Amino acid sequence: MPPRPCPCGLPEPFEACCGRYLGEDGSPAPTAEALMRSRYTAFARGDVDHLLRTWHPSTRPATLTLDPAIRWTQLEVLDRVRGGLLDTDGVVEFRAHHREGPRTGVLHERSRFVREDGRWLYRDGTPR
């Protein structure tokens, strides 16, 4: 059986891509884009723990409930500003495509990330 592809759209299998960042023992994402891709994957897989763990405490909700009817189908990364190995902040603009029953939709957002204590965290996002 071939390895499962990663939901984030990169060609690596899930385990070698976003899978290494998910889970309580997951490694920290090395860049803001890698964190954003892992968060998209967490939405696609229903991993609320990863989403909350990687959300900055100043903007993180107390709880998060994902809609099981929404199926995330494709991620497009449109732009990156900073967010690299030596940066402390970054921005990633993306389009996340989804399906809910027969309807399709797109979440287009410009997300802000910060790195604190060696870990990237999602701060907030502006819809486009």
N, C-alpha and C. Protein backbone atom coordinates (compact mmCIF):
# COMPACT_ATOMS: atom_id res chain seq x y z
N MET A 1 0.84 -1.17 0.00
CA MET A 1 0.00 0.00 0.00
C MET A 1 0.89 1.24 0.00
N PRO A 2 0.68 2.18 -0.95
CA PRO A 2 1.52 3.39 -1.00
C PRO A 2 1.22 4.30 0.18
N PRO A 3 2.21 5.13 0.58
CA PRO A 3 1.98 6.05 1.70
C PRO A 3 0.88 7.05 1.37
N ARG A 4 0.18 7.50 2.41
CA ARG A 4 -0.88 8.49 2.21
C ARG A 4 -0.25 9.84 1.88
N PRO A 5 -0.78 10.53 0.85
CA PRO A 5 -0.25 11.86 0.55
C PRO A 5 -0.67 12.85 1.65
N CYS A 6 0.11 13.88 1.82
CA CYS A 6 -0.22 14.88 2.82
C CYS A 6 -1.36 15.76 2.32
N PRO A 7 -2.35 16.04 3.16
CA PRO A 7 -3.45 16.91 2.74
C PRO A 7 -3.01 18.32 2.34
N CYS A 8 -1.84 18.77 2.81
CA CYS A 8 -1.41 20.15 2.53
C CYS A 8 -1.03 20.37 1.07
N GLY A 9 -0.93 19.32 0.29
CA GLY A 9 -0.65 19.47 -1.13
C GLY A 9 0.80 19.31 -1.53
N LEU A 10 1.72 19.23 -0.59
CA LEU A 10 3.11 18.97 -0.94
C LEU A 10 3.24 17.50 -1.35
N PRO A 11 4.25 17.15 -2.14
CA PRO A 11 4.34 15.79 -2.66
C PRO A 11 4.76 14.72 -1.65
N GLU A 12 5.24 15.11 -0.47
CA GLU A 12 5.68 14.12 0.50
C GLU A 12 4.49 13.39 1.12
N PRO A 13 4.72 12.15 1.56
CA PRO A 13 3.67 11.45 2.30
C PRO A 13 3.38 12.17 3.61
N PHE A 14 2.16 12.00 4.12
CA PHE A 14 1.72 12.66 5.35
C PHE A 14 2.75 12.51 6.48
N GLU A 15 3.23 11.32 6.74
CA GLU A 15 4.13 11.08 7.86
C GLU A 15 5.43 11.87 7.74
N ALA A 16 5.93 12.08 6.52
CA ALA A 16 7.18 12.81 6.30
C ALA A 16 6.95 14.31 6.15
N CYS A 17 5.70 14.71 6.03
CA CYS A 17 5.37 16.12 5.82
C CYS A 17 4.73 16.66 7.10
N CYS A 18 3.47 17.01 7.07
CA CYS A 18 2.80 17.60 8.24
C CYS A 18 2.64 16.63 9.40
N GLY A 19 2.66 15.34 9.13
CA GLY A 19 2.50 14.35 10.19
C GLY A 19 3.55 14.47 11.28
N ARG A 20 4.73 14.94 10.93
CA ARG A 20 5.79 15.06 11.94
C ARG A 20 5.55 16.22 12.90
N TYR A 21 4.63 17.15 12.57
CA TYR A 21 4.33 18.28 13.44
C TYR A 21 3.07 18.06 14.27
N LEU A 22 2.19 17.17 13.83
CA LEU A 22 0.94 16.91 14.53
C LEU A 22 1.18 15.94 15.69
N GLY A 23 0.24 15.88 16.58
CA GLY A 23 0.38 15.00 17.74
C GLY A 23 1.10 15.71 18.86
N GLU A 24 0.83 15.29 20.07
CA GLU A 24 1.40 15.94 21.24
C GLU A 24 2.93 15.93 21.24
N ASP A 25 3.52 14.90 20.65
CA ASP A 25 4.98 14.80 20.60
C ASP A 25 5.55 15.31 19.29
N GLY A 26 4.73 16.03 18.50
CA GLY A 26 5.19 16.51 17.21
C GLY A 26 6.31 17.53 17.33
N SER A 27 7.15 17.57 16.33
CA SER A 27 8.24 18.54 16.27
C SER A 27 7.68 19.93 15.97
N PRO A 28 8.37 20.98 16.41
CA PRO A 28 7.93 22.33 16.03
C PRO A 28 8.14 22.55 14.53
N ALA A 29 7.21 23.20 13.90
CA ALA A 29 7.35 23.54 12.48
C ALA A 29 8.50 24.53 12.33
N PRO A 30 9.37 24.35 11.34
CA PRO A 30 10.55 25.21 11.22
C PRO A 30 10.27 26.60 10.63
N THR A 31 9.14 26.74 9.92
CA THR A 31 8.80 28.02 9.28
C THR A 31 7.32 28.31 9.50
N ALA A 32 6.95 29.56 9.25
CA ALA A 32 5.54 29.95 9.36
C ALA A 32 4.71 29.18 8.32
N GLU A 33 5.24 29.02 7.11
CA GLU A 33 4.50 28.27 6.10
C GLU A 33 4.30 26.82 6.51
N ALA A 34 5.32 26.20 7.06
CA ALA A 34 5.18 24.81 7.50
C ALA A 34 4.11 24.70 8.58
N LEU A 35 4.06 25.68 9.49
CA LEU A 35 3.02 25.66 10.52
C LEU A 35 1.64 25.85 9.88
N MET A 36 1.53 26.78 8.95
CA MET A 36 0.25 27.02 8.29
C MET A 36 -0.21 25.75 7.57
N ARG A 37 0.69 25.07 6.88
CA ARG A 37 0.34 23.83 6.19
C ARG A 37 -0.10 22.76 7.20
N SER A 38 0.59 22.68 8.33
CA SER A 38 0.21 21.68 9.34
C SER A 38 -1.15 22.01 9.94
N ARG A 39 -1.46 23.29 10.07
CA ARG A 39 -2.76 23.68 10.60
C ARG A 39 -3.87 23.36 9.59
N TYR A 40 -3.61 23.57 8.31
CA TYR A 40 -4.58 23.17 7.29
C TYR A 40 -4.81 21.66 7.38
N THR A 41 -3.73 20.91 7.50
CA THR A 41 -3.83 19.45 7.61
C THR A 41 -4.62 19.07 8.86
N ALA A 42 -4.41 19.81 9.95
CA ALA A 42 -5.16 19.53 11.18
C ALA A 42 -6.66 19.79 10.96
N PHE A 43 -7.00 20.84 10.24
CA PHE A 43 -8.41 21.07 9.91
C PHE A 43 -8.94 19.91 9.07
N ALA A 44 -8.17 19.48 8.08
CA ALA A 44 -8.61 18.40 7.18
C ALA A 44 -8.77 17.08 7.94
N ARG A 45 -7.96 16.86 8.96
CA ARG A 45 -8.00 15.60 9.72
C ARG A 45 -8.79 15.69 11.02
N GLY A 46 -9.30 16.90 11.34
CA GLY A 46 -10.08 17.07 12.56
C GLY A 46 -9.25 17.08 13.83
N ASP A 47 -8.01 17.52 13.75
CA ASP A 47 -7.09 17.52 14.89
C ASP A 47 -7.19 18.85 15.66
N VAL A 48 -8.19 18.98 16.50
CA VAL A 48 -8.42 20.20 17.27
C VAL A 48 -7.25 20.48 18.21
N ASP A 49 -6.67 19.46 18.80
CA ASP A 49 -5.56 19.65 19.74
C ASP A 49 -4.39 20.38 19.09
N HIS A 50 -4.04 19.98 17.86
CA HIS A 50 -2.93 20.65 17.17
C HIS A 50 -3.28 22.12 16.90
N LEU A 51 -4.51 22.37 16.49
CA LEU A 51 -4.92 23.74 16.20
C LEU A 51 -4.81 24.62 17.44
N LEU A 52 -5.31 24.14 18.56
CA LEU A 52 -5.25 24.92 19.79
C LEU A 52 -3.82 25.06 20.30
N ARG A 53 -3.03 24.01 20.19
CA ARG A 53 -1.64 24.03 20.67
C ARG A 53 -0.78 25.01 19.88
N THR A 54 -1.12 25.24 18.61
CA THR A 54 -0.31 26.10 17.75
C THR A 54 -0.92 27.49 17.57
N TRP A 55 -1.91 27.83 18.37
CA TRP A 55 -2.59 29.12 18.34
C TRP A 55 -2.00 29.98 19.44
N HIS A 56 -1.63 31.21 19.14
CA HIS A 56 -1.04 32.11 20.13
C HIS A 56 -2.03 32.33 21.28
N PRO A 57 -1.55 32.26 22.53
CA PRO A 57 -2.45 32.41 23.68
C PRO A 57 -3.25 33.71 23.68
N SER A 58 -2.73 34.77 23.08
CA SER A 58 -3.44 36.06 23.09
C SER A 58 -4.67 36.07 22.20
N THR A 59 -4.77 35.14 21.26
CA THR A 59 -5.92 35.11 20.34
C THR A 59 -6.61 33.75 20.31
N ARG A 60 -6.10 32.77 21.03
CA ARG A 60 -6.63 31.41 21.01
C ARG A 60 -8.00 31.36 21.69
N PRO A 61 -8.97 30.71 21.05
CA PRO A 61 -10.26 30.53 21.71
C PRO A 61 -10.14 29.49 22.83
N ALA A 62 -11.06 29.54 23.78
CA ALA A 62 -11.05 28.57 24.88
C ALA A 62 -11.35 27.17 24.38
N THR A 63 -12.23 27.07 23.39
CA THR A 63 -12.57 25.79 22.79
C THR A 63 -12.70 25.98 21.29
N LEU A 64 -12.68 24.88 20.59
CA LEU A 64 -12.81 24.92 19.14
C LEU A 64 -13.58 23.68 18.71
N THR A 65 -14.64 23.89 17.96
CA THR A 65 -15.43 22.78 17.43
C THR A 65 -15.39 22.86 15.91
N LEU A 66 -14.95 21.79 15.28
CA LEU A 66 -14.89 21.74 13.82
C LEU A 66 -16.19 21.15 13.28
N ASP A 67 -16.62 21.67 12.15
CA ASP A 67 -17.84 21.18 11.51
C ASP A 67 -17.49 19.91 10.73
N PRO A 68 -18.02 18.75 11.14
CA PRO A 68 -17.67 17.51 10.45
C PRO A 68 -18.22 17.42 9.02
N ALA A 69 -19.15 18.31 8.67
CA ALA A 69 -19.71 18.30 7.32
C ALA A 69 -18.78 18.96 6.31
N ILE A 70 -17.83 19.75 6.80
CA ILE A 70 -16.90 20.44 5.88
C ILE A 70 -15.71 19.53 5.61
N ARG A 71 -15.46 19.31 4.33
CA ARG A 71 -14.30 18.50 3.92
C ARG A 71 -13.33 19.41 3.19
N TRP A 72 -12.13 19.55 3.74
CA TRP A 72 -11.11 20.41 3.13
C TRP A 72 -10.45 19.65 2.00
N THR A 73 -10.40 20.26 0.81
CA THR A 73 -10.01 19.52 -0.39
C THR A 73 -8.71 19.97 -1.06
N GLN A 74 -8.30 21.22 -0.83
CA GLN A 74 -7.08 21.69 -1.50
C GLN A 74 -6.56 22.94 -0.82
N LEU A 75 -5.24 23.06 -0.77
CA LEU A 75 -4.59 24.24 -0.22
C LEU A 75 -3.72 24.87 -1.29
N GLU A 76 -3.83 26.19 -1.44
CA GLU A 76 -2.96 26.96 -2.33
C GLU A 76 -2.24 28.02 -1.49
N VAL A 77 -0.93 27.99 -1.46
CA VAL A 77 -0.16 29.05 -0.80
C VAL A 77 0.12 30.11 -1.85
N LEU A 78 -0.32 31.34 -1.58
CA LEU A 78 -0.23 32.42 -2.56
C LEU A 78 0.94 33.36 -2.32
N ASP A 79 1.31 33.56 -1.05
CA ASP A 79 2.36 34.52 -0.74
C ASP A 79 2.94 34.21 0.64
N ARG A 80 4.22 34.54 0.81
CA ARG A 80 4.90 34.41 2.10
C ARG A 80 5.74 35.67 2.30
N VAL A 81 5.67 36.21 3.50
CA VAL A 81 6.50 37.35 3.88
C VAL A 81 7.18 36.99 5.18
N ARG A 82 8.50 36.95 5.16
CA ARG A 82 9.30 36.53 6.32
C ARG A 82 8.86 35.13 6.74
N GLY A 83 8.92 34.83 8.02
CA GLY A 83 8.49 33.51 8.49
C GLY A 83 9.51 32.40 8.30
N GLY A 84 10.77 32.78 8.06
CA GLY A 84 11.81 31.79 7.82
C GLY A 84 12.50 31.33 9.09
N LEU A 85 13.55 30.58 8.90
CA LEU A 85 14.27 29.98 10.02
C LEU A 85 14.84 30.98 11.02
N LEU A 86 15.18 32.19 10.55
CA LEU A 86 15.78 33.19 11.43
C LEU A 86 14.84 34.32 11.81
N ASP A 87 13.59 34.25 11.36
CA ASP A 87 12.63 35.31 11.62
C ASP A 87 11.85 35.06 12.91
N THR A 88 11.23 36.12 13.42
CA THR A 88 10.37 35.99 14.60
C THR A 88 8.91 36.27 14.27
N ASP A 89 8.65 36.66 13.03
CA ASP A 89 7.27 36.86 12.59
C ASP A 89 7.19 36.52 11.11
N GLY A 90 5.96 36.32 10.66
CA GLY A 90 5.77 36.00 9.25
C GLY A 90 4.30 36.06 8.88
N VAL A 91 4.07 36.14 7.58
CA VAL A 91 2.72 36.19 7.03
C VAL A 91 2.64 35.17 5.91
N VAL A 92 1.54 34.43 5.87
CA VAL A 92 1.30 33.48 4.79
C VAL A 92 -0.12 33.73 4.28
N GLU A 93 -0.24 33.98 2.99
CA GLU A 93 -1.55 34.14 2.36
C GLU A 93 -1.88 32.85 1.63
N PHE A 94 -3.11 32.39 1.79
CA PHE A 94 -3.49 31.10 1.20
C PHE A 94 -4.96 31.09 0.82
N ARG A 95 -5.30 30.10 0.03
CA ARG A 95 -6.69 29.75 -0.27
C ARG A 95 -6.87 28.30 0.13
N ALA A 96 -7.87 28.05 0.97
CA ALA A 96 -8.20 26.69 1.40
C ALA A 96 -9.58 26.35 0.83
N HIS A 97 -9.59 25.37 -0.05
CA HIS A 97 -10.83 24.96 -0.72
C HIS A 97 -11.52 23.90 0.12
N HIS A 98 -12.85 23.96 0.12
CA HIS A 98 -13.61 22.98 0.90
C HIS A 98 -14.92 22.63 0.20
N ARG A 99 -15.49 21.55 0.67
CA ARG A 99 -16.77 21.06 0.16
C ARG A 99 -17.66 20.79 1.37
N GLU A 100 -18.92 21.18 1.23
CA GLU A 100 -19.92 20.89 2.25
C GLU A 100 -21.14 20.37 1.50
N GLY A 101 -21.28 19.05 1.49
CA GLY A 101 -22.33 18.44 0.66
C GLY A 101 -22.05 18.75 -0.79
N PRO A 102 -23.04 19.25 -1.51
CA PRO A 102 -22.82 19.56 -2.93
C PRO A 102 -22.17 20.93 -3.16
N ARG A 103 -22.06 21.73 -2.11
CA ARG A 103 -21.51 23.08 -2.26
C ARG A 103 -20.01 23.10 -2.06
N THR A 104 -19.35 23.99 -2.80
CA THR A 104 -17.91 24.19 -2.62
C THR A 104 -17.68 25.62 -2.15
N GLY A 105 -16.55 25.85 -1.52
CA GLY A 105 -16.21 27.18 -1.05
C GLY A 105 -14.72 27.34 -0.92
N VAL A 106 -14.32 28.57 -0.67
CA VAL A 106 -12.89 28.89 -0.52
C VAL A 106 -12.72 29.85 0.65
N LEU A 107 -11.79 29.51 1.53
CA LEU A 107 -11.37 30.42 2.59
C LEU A 107 -10.07 31.06 2.10
N HIS A 108 -10.09 32.36 1.90
CA HIS A 108 -8.90 33.09 1.44
C HIS A 108 -8.48 33.98 2.60
N GLU A 109 -7.27 33.76 3.12
CA GLU A 109 -6.84 34.47 4.32
C GLU A 109 -5.38 34.83 4.23
N ARG A 110 -5.05 35.93 4.87
CA ARG A 110 -3.66 36.33 5.07
C ARG A 110 -3.41 36.18 6.56
N SER A 111 -2.65 35.15 6.93
CA SER A 111 -2.43 34.77 8.33
C SER A 111 -1.12 35.33 8.85
N ARG A 112 -1.15 35.77 10.11
CA ARG A 112 0.06 36.27 10.78
C ARG A 112 0.53 35.24 11.80
N PHE A 113 1.85 35.04 11.83
CA PHE A 113 2.48 34.07 12.72
C PHE A 113 3.60 34.75 13.50
N VAL A 114 3.86 34.25 14.69
CA VAL A 114 4.99 34.73 15.49
C VAL A 114 5.75 33.50 16.00
N ARG A 115 7.04 33.69 16.22
CA ARG A 115 7.83 32.60 16.80
C ARG A 115 8.24 33.02 18.21
N GLU A 116 7.86 32.19 19.17
CA GLU A 116 8.20 32.43 20.57
C GLU A 116 8.79 31.16 21.15
N ASP A 117 9.88 31.30 21.86
CA ASP A 117 10.56 30.16 22.47
C ASP A 117 10.82 29.05 21.45
N GLY A 118 11.19 29.45 20.23
CA GLY A 118 11.54 28.48 19.20
C GLY A 118 10.36 27.80 18.51
N ARG A 119 9.13 28.22 18.80
CA ARG A 119 7.94 27.60 18.20
C ARG A 119 7.13 28.65 17.45
N TRP A 120 6.75 28.32 16.23
CA TRP A 120 5.85 29.19 15.48
C TRP A 120 4.43 29.02 16.01
N LEU A 121 3.71 30.14 16.09
CA LEU A 121 2.32 30.14 16.54
C LEU A 121 1.48 31.00 15.60
N TYR A 122 0.26 30.56 15.37
CA TYR A 122 -0.70 31.33 14.58
C TYR A 122 -1.22 32.46 15.45
N ARG A 123 -1.09 33.70 14.98
CA ARG A 123 -1.58 34.86 15.74
C ARG A 123 -3.02 35.18 15.34
N ASP A 124 -3.22 35.51 14.07
CA ASP A 124 -4.55 35.84 13.58
C ASP A 124 -4.52 35.90 12.06
N GLY A 125 -5.67 36.12 11.48
CA GLY A 125 -5.75 36.18 10.03
C GLY A 125 -6.77 37.19 9.57
N THR A 126 -6.52 37.72 8.37
CA THR A 126 -7.42 38.67 7.75
C THR A 126 -8.02 38.03 6.51
N PRO A 127 -9.36 37.90 6.47
CA PRO A 127 -9.98 37.34 5.27
C PRO A 127 -9.72 38.24 4.06
N ARG A 128 -9.61 37.63 2.92
CA ARG A 128 -9.42 38.35 1.65
C ARG A 128 -10.63 38.21 0.78
